[in-house]
Amino acid sequence: MIKLKTQDEIELIRKSSLLVAKTHAEVAKHIRPGITTKSLDVIAETFIRDHEGAKPAFKGYGGFPATLCISENEQIVHGFPSDREIKEGDILSIDCGVEWEGYFGDSAFTYPVGDQTDEVWDLLIDTIDSLYVGIDCARIGNRIGDVSYAIQKYTEIDRGYGVVRELVGHGVGSALHESPDVPNYGKRGRGPKIKEGLVIAIEPMINAGSRKVKQLNDGWTIITADGKPSAHFEHTVAVTKNGPDILSDFEVIFESIKSNPNIKDFKEKVRYLQTNFQDG
């Protein structure tokens, strides 16, 4: 059942979502060649728990062992932080969730460590752009399929990427994963009707090559079947009478990236920005 949120509930989800964004920004300060992904996970958990009452949403969820999902290069989602050291040329898809005062926030961002190929730059920029194209369809009277189709058209139909089918976005609220599912592929005019008070996590997971995936033996990590890189960006979004209201925040992440010479700042290459939605 889809649970529509009151304005008070939306503000609590926003509070959690903004802490997720600040956690991303804190982690981004420390991303560099030579640091382990496990070290980044410790930084994130410490930062979250330093906010009284807040706790990592992922740690222990279904048995997941960490605060962050850190998925590298061909890994799509649900990667385990480990003792592996980050290398120049890696891309890191980091997904973070927070529970605070009974409500959840959820957001993902893919970080380019050092120089990248043109193929990877295009993948990152097109994936983040597709997120905002999808968000723009999260309006009263539309259907979930309109969001899904917009993302699929932008990435797969128009640009030839592989859109992952096995993993989708979702509702967010007093549970980390609520109804409805929000696929990154679909048909216009299909699926649940979008109503005021709906809060969803929209999260394109886009592969440079085939859409086909494999799961590693850890039972969690999902990788591209062809070994090509994948990108993942995610916002938590509320539907209001004035349009989509982005509750999470990439602007604070981009500000953090500016101060870290180990991450290439690509904000100026992004066609669609969060600021476009600030006034609904």
Protein backbone atom coordinates (compact mmCIF):
# COMPACT_ATOMS: atom_id res chain seq x y z
CA MET A 1 0.00 0.00 0.00
CA ILE A 2 1.27 3.46 -0.88
CA LYS A 3 1.50 5.78 2.13
CA LEU A 4 1.09 9.45 1.28
CA LYS A 5 2.97 11.75 3.64
CA THR A 6 1.86 14.82 5.55
CA GLN A 7 3.96 17.98 5.37
CA ASP A 8 5.31 17.25 8.85
CA GLU A 9 6.40 13.79 7.71
CA ILE A 10 8.00 15.23 4.58
CA GLU A 11 10.04 17.61 6.74
CA LEU A 12 11.28 14.70 8.85
CA ILE A 13 12.25 12.81 5.69
CA ARG A 14 14.00 15.96 4.49
CA LYS A 15 15.94 16.15 7.75
CA SER A 16 17.20 12.59 7.28
CA SER A 17 17.87 13.15 3.59
CA LEU A 18 19.94 16.26 4.25
CA LEU A 19 22.00 14.35 6.79
CA VAL A 20 22.62 11.77 4.06
CA ALA A 21 23.83 14.57 1.80
CA LYS A 22 26.13 15.95 4.50
CA THR A 23 27.48 12.45 5.06
CA HIS A 24 28.26 12.17 1.36
CA ALA A 25 30.01 15.53 1.53
CA GLU A 26 32.08 14.42 4.51
CA VAL A 27 33.08 11.18 2.81
CA ALA A 28 33.93 13.08 -0.39
CA LYS A 29 36.58 15.05 1.48
CA HIS A 30 38.51 11.84 2.10
CA ILE A 31 38.27 10.05 -1.25
CA ARG A 32 41.77 9.61 -2.69
CA PRO A 33 43.97 6.92 -4.21
CA GLY A 34 45.34 4.69 -1.45
CA ILE A 35 42.48 4.97 1.04
CA THR A 36 40.40 1.85 1.60
CA THR A 37 36.67 1.78 1.09
CA LYS A 38 36.36 0.37 4.61
CA SER A 39 37.95 3.57 5.93
CA LEU A 40 35.35 5.63 4.09
CA ASP A 41 32.64 3.52 5.71
CA VAL A 42 34.00 4.24 9.19
CA ILE A 43 34.06 7.97 8.41
CA ALA A 44 30.41 7.83 7.33
CA GLU A 45 29.18 5.88 10.34
CA THR A 46 31.02 8.15 12.78
CA PHE A 47 29.62 11.26 11.09
CA ILE A 48 26.04 9.97 11.17
CA ARG A 49 26.19 8.84 14.79
CA ASP A 50 27.64 12.21 15.83
CA HIS A 51 24.11 13.55 15.21
CA GLU A 52 22.13 12.59 18.29
CA GLY A 53 19.54 9.93 17.55
CA ALA A 54 20.62 9.36 13.95
CA LYS A 55 21.80 5.97 12.77
CA PRO A 56 22.88 4.33 9.52
CA ALA A 57 19.89 2.90 7.67
CA PHE A 58 21.76 0.18 5.80
CA LYS A 59 23.86 -1.38 8.55
CA GLY A 60 22.12 -4.60 9.60
CA TYR A 61 19.35 -4.16 7.01
CA GLY A 62 18.71 -7.67 5.75
CA GLY A 63 22.12 -8.60 7.13
CA PHE A 64 24.07 -5.92 5.24
CA PRO A 65 27.30 -5.38 7.19
CA ALA A 66 28.13 -1.72 6.53
CA THR A 67 26.94 1.89 6.64
CA LEU A 68 27.64 2.56 2.97
CA CYS A 69 27.16 0.56 -0.18
CA ILE A 70 30.37 1.27 -2.13
CA SER A 71 30.31 -0.13 -5.64
CA GLU A 72 33.42 0.27 -7.77
CA ASN A 73 33.70 0.47 -11.55
CA GLU A 74 31.69 -2.50 -12.95
CA GLN A 75 29.87 -2.96 -9.64
CA ILE A 76 26.38 -1.50 -9.89
CA VAL A 77 25.06 -1.52 -6.31
CA HIS A 78 25.35 -3.17 -2.88
CA GLY A 79 29.13 -3.38 -2.89
CA PHE A 80 30.78 -4.13 0.48
CA PRO A 81 33.35 -1.70 1.87
CA SER A 82 36.63 -3.60 2.12
CA ASP A 83 40.39 -3.33 2.56
CA ARG A 84 40.81 -2.71 -1.16
CA GLU A 85 42.58 0.59 -1.81
CA ILE A 86 41.04 3.07 -4.22
CA LYS A 87 43.06 3.63 -7.39
CA GLU A 88 43.40 6.53 -9.80
CA GLY A 89 40.80 6.09 -12.54
CA ASP A 90 38.22 4.29 -10.35
CA ILE A 91 34.63 5.39 -10.15
CA LEU A 92 32.87 4.85 -6.81
CA SER A 93 29.09 4.63 -6.58
CA ILE A 94 28.30 5.37 -2.94
CA ASP A 95 24.79 4.81 -1.60
CA CYS A 96 23.94 6.07 1.88
CA GLY A 97 20.83 5.93 4.05
CA VAL A 98 19.95 7.45 7.42
CA GLU A 99 17.19 6.86 9.93
CA TRP A 100 16.49 9.83 12.19
CA GLU A 101 13.45 10.48 14.36
CA GLY A 102 11.66 7.51 12.81
CA TYR A 103 12.04 8.53 9.15
CA PHE A 104 14.52 7.64 6.43
CA GLY A 105 16.56 9.42 3.81
CA ASP A 106 18.35 7.74 0.90
CA SER A 107 20.71 9.08 -1.75
CA ALA A 108 23.49 7.83 -4.03
CA PHE A 109 26.28 9.57 -5.96
CA THR A 110 29.02 8.27 -8.26
CA TYR A 111 32.48 9.79 -7.69
CA PRO A 112 35.18 9.91 -10.41
CA VAL A 113 38.62 9.42 -8.87
CA GLY A 114 41.13 11.14 -11.11
CA ASP A 115 41.05 11.18 -14.89
CA GLN A 116 38.41 9.18 -16.75
CA THR A 117 37.83 8.04 -20.31
CA ASP A 118 35.33 9.89 -22.47
CA GLU A 119 33.06 6.84 -22.18
CA VAL A 120 32.98 7.12 -18.38
CA TRP A 121 32.46 10.89 -18.39
CA ASP A 122 29.51 10.49 -20.75
CA LEU A 123 28.09 7.72 -18.56
CA LEU A 124 28.28 9.82 -15.39
CA ILE A 125 26.83 12.95 -16.94
CA ASP A 126 24.06 11.16 -18.81
CA THR A 127 23.08 9.16 -15.71
CA ILE A 128 22.81 12.20 -13.43
CA ASP A 129 20.94 14.06 -16.16
CA SER A 130 18.50 11.16 -16.50
CA LEU A 131 17.79 11.40 -12.78
CA TYR A 132 16.60 14.97 -13.17
CA VAL A 133 14.65 14.13 -16.32
CA GLY A 134 12.84 11.48 -14.26
CA ILE A 135 12.29 13.82 -11.32
CA ASP A 136 10.66 16.35 -13.64
CA CYS A 137 7.92 13.79 -14.34
CA ALA A 138 7.16 13.24 -10.63
CA ARG A 139 4.13 15.52 -10.75
CA ILE A 140 0.54 15.20 -9.58
CA GLY A 141 -1.58 13.43 -12.18
CA ASN A 142 1.27 11.61 -13.87
CA ARG A 143 2.00 7.94 -13.26
CA ILE A 144 5.11 6.12 -12.10
CA GLY A 145 5.51 4.79 -15.64
CA ASP A 146 6.00 8.36 -16.85
CA VAL A 147 9.03 8.72 -14.56
CA SER A 148 10.32 5.30 -15.61
CA TYR A 149 9.90 5.92 -19.33
CA ALA A 150 11.60 9.32 -19.16
CA ILE A 151 14.72 7.77 -17.64
CA GLN A 152 14.73 4.85 -20.06
CA LYS A 153 14.24 7.08 -23.09
CA TYR A 154 17.03 9.45 -22.07
CA THR A 155 19.55 6.68 -21.40
CA GLU A 156 18.69 3.50 -23.28
CA ILE A 157 16.53 4.57 -26.21
CA ASP A 158 18.33 7.82 -27.12
CA ARG A 159 21.89 7.03 -26.01
CA GLY A 160 22.27 3.25 -26.13
CA TYR A 161 23.04 2.51 -22.47
CA GLY A 162 21.88 -0.55 -20.56
CA VAL A 163 19.15 0.16 -18.01
CA VAL A 164 19.21 -2.33 -15.15
CA ARG A 165 15.89 -4.16 -14.77
CA GLU A 166 16.52 -6.16 -11.59
CA LEU A 167 16.94 -3.13 -9.28
CA VAL A 168 14.54 -0.20 -8.94
CA GLY A 169 13.73 2.90 -6.93
CA HIS A 170 11.12 2.84 -4.18
CA GLY A 171 8.94 4.70 -1.76
CA VAL A 172 10.59 6.22 1.34
CA GLY A 173 9.12 7.13 4.70
CA SER A 174 8.96 5.45 8.09
CA ALA A 175 10.51 2.44 6.33
CA LEU A 176 13.57 2.50 4.10
CA HIS A 177 11.76 0.70 1.29
CA GLU A 178 8.05 1.33 0.79
CA SER A 179 5.62 1.06 -2.11
CA PRO A 180 5.64 1.91 -4.94
CA ASP A 181 8.53 0.46 -6.89
CA VAL A 182 10.03 3.03 -9.26
CA PRO A 183 11.71 1.23 -12.19
CA ASN A 184 14.08 3.01 -14.54
CA TYR A 185 12.25 1.53 -17.52
CA GLY A 186 8.57 1.37 -18.40
CA LYS A 187 5.67 2.74 -20.36
CA ARG A 188 4.05 6.15 -20.15
CA GLY A 189 0.63 6.20 -18.52
CA ARG A 190 1.22 2.95 -16.62
CA GLY A 191 1.67 2.24 -12.93
CA PRO A 192 0.33 3.96 -9.81
CA LYS A 193 -0.96 7.49 -10.17
CA ILE A 194 1.30 10.14 -8.63
CA LYS A 195 -0.45 12.09 -5.88
CA GLU A 196 0.47 14.91 -3.53
CA GLY A 197 2.38 13.56 -0.54
CA LEU A 198 4.07 10.72 -2.40
CA VAL A 199 7.75 10.39 -1.42
CA ILE A 200 9.97 8.24 -3.62
CA ALA A 201 13.63 7.48 -4.19
CA ILE A 202 14.38 7.86 -7.89
CA GLU A 203 17.68 6.17 -8.72
CA PRO A 204 18.87 5.45 -12.25
CA MET A 205 21.37 2.57 -12.38
CA ILE A 206 22.83 2.78 -15.85
CA ASN A 207 25.42 0.53 -17.49
CA ALA A 208 27.86 1.63 -20.18
CA GLY A 209 27.20 -1.63 -22.02
CA SER A 210 24.63 -4.38 -21.64
CA ARG A 211 21.78 -4.15 -19.14
CA LYS A 212 22.54 -7.71 -17.99
CA VAL A 213 23.87 -8.22 -14.47
CA LYS A 214 25.47 -10.85 -12.24
CA GLN A 215 25.59 -11.26 -8.47
CA LEU A 216 28.84 -12.00 -6.66
CA ASN A 217 29.19 -14.86 -4.20
CA ASP A 218 28.81 -12.48 -1.23
CA GLY A 219 25.08 -12.55 -1.99
CA TRP A 220 24.88 -8.76 -2.28
CA THR A 221 27.17 -7.13 -4.83
CA ILE A 222 25.64 -6.73 -8.30
CA ILE A 223 27.99 -6.25 -11.25
CA THR A 224 27.62 -5.70 -14.98
CA ALA A 225 27.72 -9.00 -16.87
CA ASP A 226 30.08 -7.59 -19.50
CA GLY A 227 32.47 -5.94 -17.03
CA LYS A 228 31.77 -2.41 -18.30
CA PRO A 229 31.34 0.45 -15.81
CA SER A 230 28.03 1.45 -14.24
CA ALA A 231 26.81 4.69 -12.65
CA HIS A 232 24.20 5.31 -9.95
CA PHE A 233 22.67 8.59 -8.79
CA GLU A 234 19.69 8.85 -6.42
CA HIS A 235 17.52 11.54 -4.85
CA THR A 236 14.68 11.29 -2.36
CA VAL A 237 11.80 13.35 -3.80
CA ALA A 238 8.44 14.52 -2.45
CA VAL A 239 5.51 15.32 -4.73
CA THR A 240 3.86 18.66 -3.93
CA LYS A 241 1.19 20.79 -5.55
CA ASN A 242 4.04 22.98 -6.86
CA GLY A 243 5.94 20.08 -8.41
CA PRO A 244 8.75 17.78 -7.29
CA ASP A 245 10.58 18.78 -4.10
CA ILE A 246 14.06 17.24 -3.87
CA LEU A 247 14.64 16.40 -0.20
CA SER A 248 18.24 15.23 -0.59
CA ASP A 249 21.00 17.48 -1.88
CA PHE A 250 23.81 17.17 -4.45
CA GLU A 251 24.89 20.82 -4.17
CA VAL A 252 26.65 20.21 -0.86
CA ILE A 253 28.41 17.21 -2.44
CA PHE A 254 29.63 19.23 -5.40
CA GLU A 255 30.92 21.89 -2.99
CA SER A 256 32.92 19.22 -1.16
CA ILE A 257 34.27 17.85 -4.45
CA LYS A 258 35.60 21.31 -5.32
CA SER A 259 37.99 21.15 -2.36
CA ASN A 260 39.27 17.65 -3.14
CA PRO A 261 41.78 17.55 -6.03
CA ASN A 262 41.46 13.75 -6.17
CA ILE A 263 37.87 13.92 -7.46
CA LYS A 264 37.20 15.52 -10.80
CA ASP A 265 34.49 18.19 -10.56
CA PHE A 266 31.97 17.62 -13.34
CA LYS A 267 29.16 19.89 -12.17
CA GLU A 268 29.63 22.29 -15.08
CA LYS A 269 29.08 19.43 -17.53
CA VAL A 270 25.70 18.46 -16.06
CA ARG A 271 22.83 19.71 -18.20
CA TYR A 272 20.13 19.53 -15.53
CA LEU A 273 20.81 20.67 -11.98
CA GLN A 274 18.99 20.47 -8.66
CA THR A 275 18.65 24.26 -8.63
CA ASN A 276 16.18 23.92 -11.51
CA PHE A 277 13.70 22.37 -9.07
CA GLN A 278 14.08 24.66 -6.08
CA ASP A 279 11.00 26.65 -6.96
CA GLY A 280 8.94 23.58 -7.86
